[in-house]
Amino acid sequence: MEGFVTLEVYTNESLIETKKISLNEWYEDLHELIDSDEYRKNNAITKIIGTQYDDDEGRIIYQKFINIYDENGKFISCDDVETN
């Protein structure tokens, strides 16, 4: 019952990528999507919707968040959509 995180990556309102990351990797490693302004700027990323699941099957949602970034990849805001 390891769990995982999914990241839905958007340019404006278009979904361009979905990543699935184990919880261990999520908490232990840096992720350029979340941690690099330069990466987001270079890839025109404006929004990331993240969902953390507490089980391997994706049935138990622990947290869901929406991060918004400006055109320079800088963090603007985070909304917690759901937290258990």
N, C-alpha and C. Protein backbone atom coordinates (compact mmCIF):
# COMPACT_ATOMS: atom_id res chain seq x y z
N MET A 1 0.84 -1.19 0.00
CA MET A 1 0.00 0.00 0.00
C MET A 1 0.88 1.25 0.00
N GLU A 2 1.76 1.31 -0.97
CA GLU A 2 2.73 2.40 -1.06
C GLU A 2 2.10 3.75 -1.38
N GLY A 3 1.26 3.82 -2.38
CA GLY A 3 0.69 5.08 -2.81
C GLY A 3 1.56 5.75 -3.87
N PHE A 4 1.02 6.81 -4.45
CA PHE A 4 1.72 7.53 -5.50
C PHE A 4 1.12 8.92 -5.67
N VAL A 5 1.79 9.73 -6.48
CA VAL A 5 1.33 11.08 -6.82
C VAL A 5 1.22 11.16 -8.33
N THR A 6 0.13 11.75 -8.82
CA THR A 6 0.04 12.06 -10.24
C THR A 6 0.14 13.58 -10.40
N LEU A 7 0.83 14.00 -11.43
CA LEU A 7 0.94 15.41 -11.77
C LEU A 7 0.42 15.60 -13.18
N GLU A 8 -0.61 16.42 -13.32
CA GLU A 8 -1.14 16.79 -14.64
C GLU A 8 -0.57 18.16 -14.96
N VAL A 9 0.15 18.25 -16.07
CA VAL A 9 0.91 19.45 -16.42
C VAL A 9 0.21 20.17 -17.57
N TYR A 10 -0.01 21.48 -17.39
CA TYR A 10 -0.75 22.28 -18.37
C TYR A 10 0.06 23.46 -18.88
N THR A 11 -0.14 23.75 -20.17
CA THR A 11 0.28 25.00 -20.79
C THR A 11 -1.01 25.74 -21.10
N ASN A 12 -1.21 26.87 -20.46
CA ASN A 12 -2.50 27.54 -20.50
C ASN A 12 -3.56 26.54 -20.07
N GLU A 13 -4.50 26.18 -20.91
CA GLU A 13 -5.53 25.22 -20.51
C GLU A 13 -5.38 23.87 -21.19
N SER A 14 -4.24 23.63 -21.84
CA SER A 14 -4.03 22.37 -22.56
C SER A 14 -3.16 21.42 -21.73
N LEU A 15 -3.66 20.22 -21.49
CA LEU A 15 -2.90 19.19 -20.79
C LEU A 15 -1.79 18.72 -21.72
N ILE A 16 -0.54 18.80 -21.25
CA ILE A 16 0.59 18.40 -22.10
C ILE A 16 1.31 17.16 -21.60
N GLU A 17 1.08 16.80 -20.32
CA GLU A 17 1.80 15.65 -19.77
C GLU A 17 1.14 15.20 -18.47
N THR A 18 1.20 13.91 -18.21
CA THR A 18 0.78 13.36 -16.92
C THR A 18 1.90 12.47 -16.43
N LYS A 19 2.34 12.71 -15.18
CA LYS A 19 3.40 11.91 -14.58
C LYS A 19 2.87 11.18 -13.37
N LYS A 20 3.35 9.98 -13.15
CA LYS A 20 3.02 9.19 -11.96
C LYS A 20 4.32 8.94 -11.22
N ILE A 21 4.34 9.30 -9.93
CA ILE A 21 5.56 9.23 -9.12
C ILE A 21 5.24 8.48 -7.83
N SER A 22 6.08 7.55 -7.43
CA SER A 22 5.87 6.85 -6.16
C SER A 22 5.99 7.85 -5.00
N LEU A 23 5.32 7.55 -3.89
CA LEU A 23 5.40 8.44 -2.73
C LEU A 23 6.82 8.57 -2.22
N ASN A 24 7.57 7.48 -2.24
CA ASN A 24 8.96 7.55 -1.80
C ASN A 24 9.75 8.54 -2.65
N GLU A 25 9.62 8.44 -3.96
CA GLU A 25 10.32 9.36 -4.87
C GLU A 25 9.81 10.79 -4.67
N TRP A 26 8.51 10.96 -4.47
CA TRP A 26 7.91 12.28 -4.29
C TRP A 26 8.52 13.01 -3.09
N TYR A 27 8.69 12.30 -1.99
CA TYR A 27 9.19 12.94 -0.77
C TYR A 27 10.71 12.98 -0.68
N GLU A 28 11.41 12.11 -1.40
CA GLU A 28 12.87 12.03 -1.28
C GLU A 28 13.63 12.79 -2.36
N ASP A 29 13.03 13.04 -3.50
CA ASP A 29 13.74 13.64 -4.63
C ASP A 29 13.20 15.01 -4.97
N LEU A 30 13.99 15.78 -5.72
CA LEU A 30 13.53 17.04 -6.30
C LEU A 30 12.88 16.72 -7.65
N HIS A 31 11.91 17.52 -8.04
CA HIS A 31 11.20 17.31 -9.30
C HIS A 31 11.16 18.64 -10.04
N GLU A 32 11.76 18.66 -11.24
CA GLU A 32 11.87 19.91 -11.97
C GLU A 32 10.52 20.56 -12.25
N LEU A 33 9.47 19.77 -12.39
CA LEU A 33 8.15 20.35 -12.59
C LEU A 33 7.74 21.23 -11.41
N ILE A 34 8.06 20.80 -10.21
CA ILE A 34 7.68 21.51 -9.00
C ILE A 34 8.78 22.46 -8.53
N ASP A 35 10.05 22.07 -8.70
CA ASP A 35 11.16 22.77 -8.08
C ASP A 35 11.95 23.71 -8.98
N SER A 36 11.67 23.76 -10.27
CA SER A 36 12.49 24.58 -11.18
C SER A 36 11.67 25.61 -11.95
N ASP A 37 11.83 26.88 -11.57
CA ASP A 37 11.19 27.97 -12.31
C ASP A 37 11.64 27.96 -13.76
N GLU A 38 12.94 27.74 -13.97
CA GLU A 38 13.50 27.77 -15.33
C GLU A 38 12.89 26.68 -16.21
N TYR A 39 12.72 25.48 -15.67
CA TYR A 39 12.11 24.38 -16.43
C TYR A 39 10.68 24.75 -16.82
N ARG A 40 9.91 25.28 -15.86
CA ARG A 40 8.52 25.66 -16.17
C ARG A 40 8.48 26.77 -17.22
N LYS A 41 9.36 27.75 -17.09
CA LYS A 41 9.41 28.84 -18.07
C LYS A 41 9.74 28.30 -19.46
N ASN A 42 10.77 27.47 -19.56
CA ASN A 42 11.20 26.93 -20.86
C ASN A 42 10.15 26.05 -21.51
N ASN A 43 9.28 25.45 -20.71
CA ASN A 43 8.24 24.56 -21.22
C ASN A 43 6.85 25.19 -21.18
N ALA A 44 6.78 26.49 -20.86
CA ALA A 44 5.52 27.26 -20.84
C ALA A 44 4.46 26.64 -19.93
N ILE A 45 4.90 26.06 -18.81
CA ILE A 45 3.98 25.42 -17.87
C ILE A 45 3.32 26.50 -17.00
N THR A 46 1.99 26.50 -16.98
CA THR A 46 1.25 27.50 -16.22
C THR A 46 0.42 26.92 -15.08
N LYS A 47 0.21 25.59 -15.12
CA LYS A 47 -0.60 24.97 -14.06
C LYS A 47 -0.19 23.51 -13.90
N ILE A 48 -0.16 23.07 -12.63
CA ILE A 48 0.05 21.66 -12.32
C ILE A 48 -1.02 21.25 -11.32
N ILE A 49 -1.74 20.19 -11.68
CA ILE A 49 -2.72 19.62 -10.75
C ILE A 49 -2.11 18.33 -10.22
N GLY A 50 -1.95 18.28 -8.91
CA GLY A 50 -1.35 17.11 -8.28
C GLY A 50 -2.37 16.38 -7.42
N THR A 51 -2.30 15.06 -7.45
CA THR A 51 -3.18 14.24 -6.61
C THR A 51 -2.32 13.18 -5.94
N GLN A 52 -2.39 13.14 -4.61
CA GLN A 52 -1.65 12.13 -3.85
C GLN A 52 -2.61 11.04 -3.41
N TYR A 53 -2.29 9.81 -3.79
CA TYR A 53 -3.10 8.64 -3.44
C TYR A 53 -2.37 7.84 -2.37
N ASP A 54 -3.12 7.33 -1.40
CA ASP A 54 -2.53 6.56 -0.31
C ASP A 54 -2.54 5.06 -0.56
N ASP A 55 -2.91 4.63 -1.74
CA ASP A 55 -2.87 3.20 -2.07
C ASP A 55 -2.40 3.03 -3.51
N ASP A 56 -1.93 1.86 -3.83
CA ASP A 56 -1.39 1.60 -5.17
C ASP A 56 -2.45 1.59 -6.26
N GLU A 57 -3.71 1.38 -5.90
CA GLU A 57 -4.78 1.31 -6.89
C GLU A 57 -5.37 2.68 -7.22
N GLY A 58 -4.98 3.72 -6.51
CA GLY A 58 -5.52 5.05 -6.79
C GLY A 58 -6.94 5.25 -6.31
N ARG A 59 -7.31 4.57 -5.24
CA ARG A 59 -8.67 4.67 -4.72
C ARG A 59 -8.79 5.66 -3.57
N ILE A 60 -7.73 5.84 -2.80
CA ILE A 60 -7.78 6.69 -1.60
C ILE A 60 -7.01 7.97 -1.87
N ILE A 61 -7.72 9.08 -2.03
CA ILE A 61 -7.07 10.37 -2.27
C ILE A 61 -6.73 10.99 -0.92
N TYR A 62 -5.45 11.28 -0.73
CA TYR A 62 -5.00 11.93 0.49
C TYR A 62 -5.03 13.45 0.31
N GLN A 63 -4.60 13.92 -0.85
CA GLN A 63 -4.53 15.35 -1.09
C GLN A 63 -4.62 15.63 -2.59
N LYS A 64 -5.27 16.73 -2.93
CA LYS A 64 -5.30 17.20 -4.31
C LYS A 64 -5.03 18.70 -4.28
N PHE A 65 -4.15 19.16 -5.16
CA PHE A 65 -3.77 20.58 -5.17
C PHE A 65 -3.62 21.09 -6.60
N ILE A 66 -3.76 22.40 -6.74
CA ILE A 66 -3.56 23.06 -8.03
C ILE A 66 -2.54 24.17 -7.83
N ASN A 67 -1.40 24.05 -8.50
CA ASN A 67 -0.37 25.10 -8.47
C ASN A 67 -0.48 25.92 -9.75
N ILE A 68 -0.44 27.24 -9.59
CA ILE A 68 -0.50 28.16 -10.73
C ILE A 68 0.84 28.90 -10.82
N TYR A 69 1.34 29.07 -12.06
CA TYR A 69 2.63 29.72 -12.31
C TYR A 69 2.46 30.81 -13.35
N ASP A 70 3.33 31.83 -13.30
CA ASP A 70 3.28 32.89 -14.31
C ASP A 70 4.08 32.49 -15.54
N GLU A 71 4.18 33.39 -16.52
CA GLU A 71 4.86 33.08 -17.78
C GLU A 71 6.37 32.89 -17.60
N ASN A 72 6.91 33.31 -16.46
CA ASN A 72 8.32 33.11 -16.16
C ASN A 72 8.57 31.87 -15.30
N GLY A 73 7.53 31.07 -15.09
CA GLY A 73 7.67 29.85 -14.31
C GLY A 73 7.62 30.06 -12.81
N LYS A 74 7.37 31.29 -12.38
CA LYS A 74 7.32 31.61 -10.95
C LYS A 74 5.98 31.18 -10.35
N PHE A 75 6.06 30.65 -9.15
CA PHE A 75 4.89 30.21 -8.42
C PHE A 75 4.00 31.41 -8.08
N ILE A 76 2.69 31.29 -8.36
CA ILE A 76 1.72 32.33 -8.02
C ILE A 76 0.86 31.90 -6.84
N SER A 77 0.27 30.70 -6.95
CA SER A 77 -0.64 30.27 -5.87
C SER A 77 -0.81 28.76 -5.87
N CYS A 78 -1.32 28.26 -4.74
CA CYS A 78 -1.65 26.86 -4.59
C CYS A 78 -3.01 26.78 -3.90
N ASP A 79 -3.90 26.01 -4.48
CA ASP A 79 -5.19 25.75 -3.88
C ASP A 79 -5.28 24.28 -3.51
N ASP A 80 -5.55 24.00 -2.24
CA ASP A 80 -5.83 22.63 -1.84
C ASP A 80 -7.28 22.34 -2.17
N VAL A 81 -7.49 21.44 -3.09
CA VAL A 81 -8.83 21.10 -3.54
C VAL A 81 -9.46 20.10 -2.58
N GLU A 82 -8.66 19.15 -2.12
CA GLU A 82 -9.18 18.10 -1.25
C GLU A 82 -8.04 17.61 -0.38
N THR A 83 -8.31 17.46 0.90
CA THR A 83 -7.33 16.91 1.83
C THR A 83 -8.04 16.01 2.82
N ASN A 84 -7.50 14.82 3.00
CA ASN A 84 -8.07 13.88 3.98
C ASN A 84 -7.14 13.76 5.16
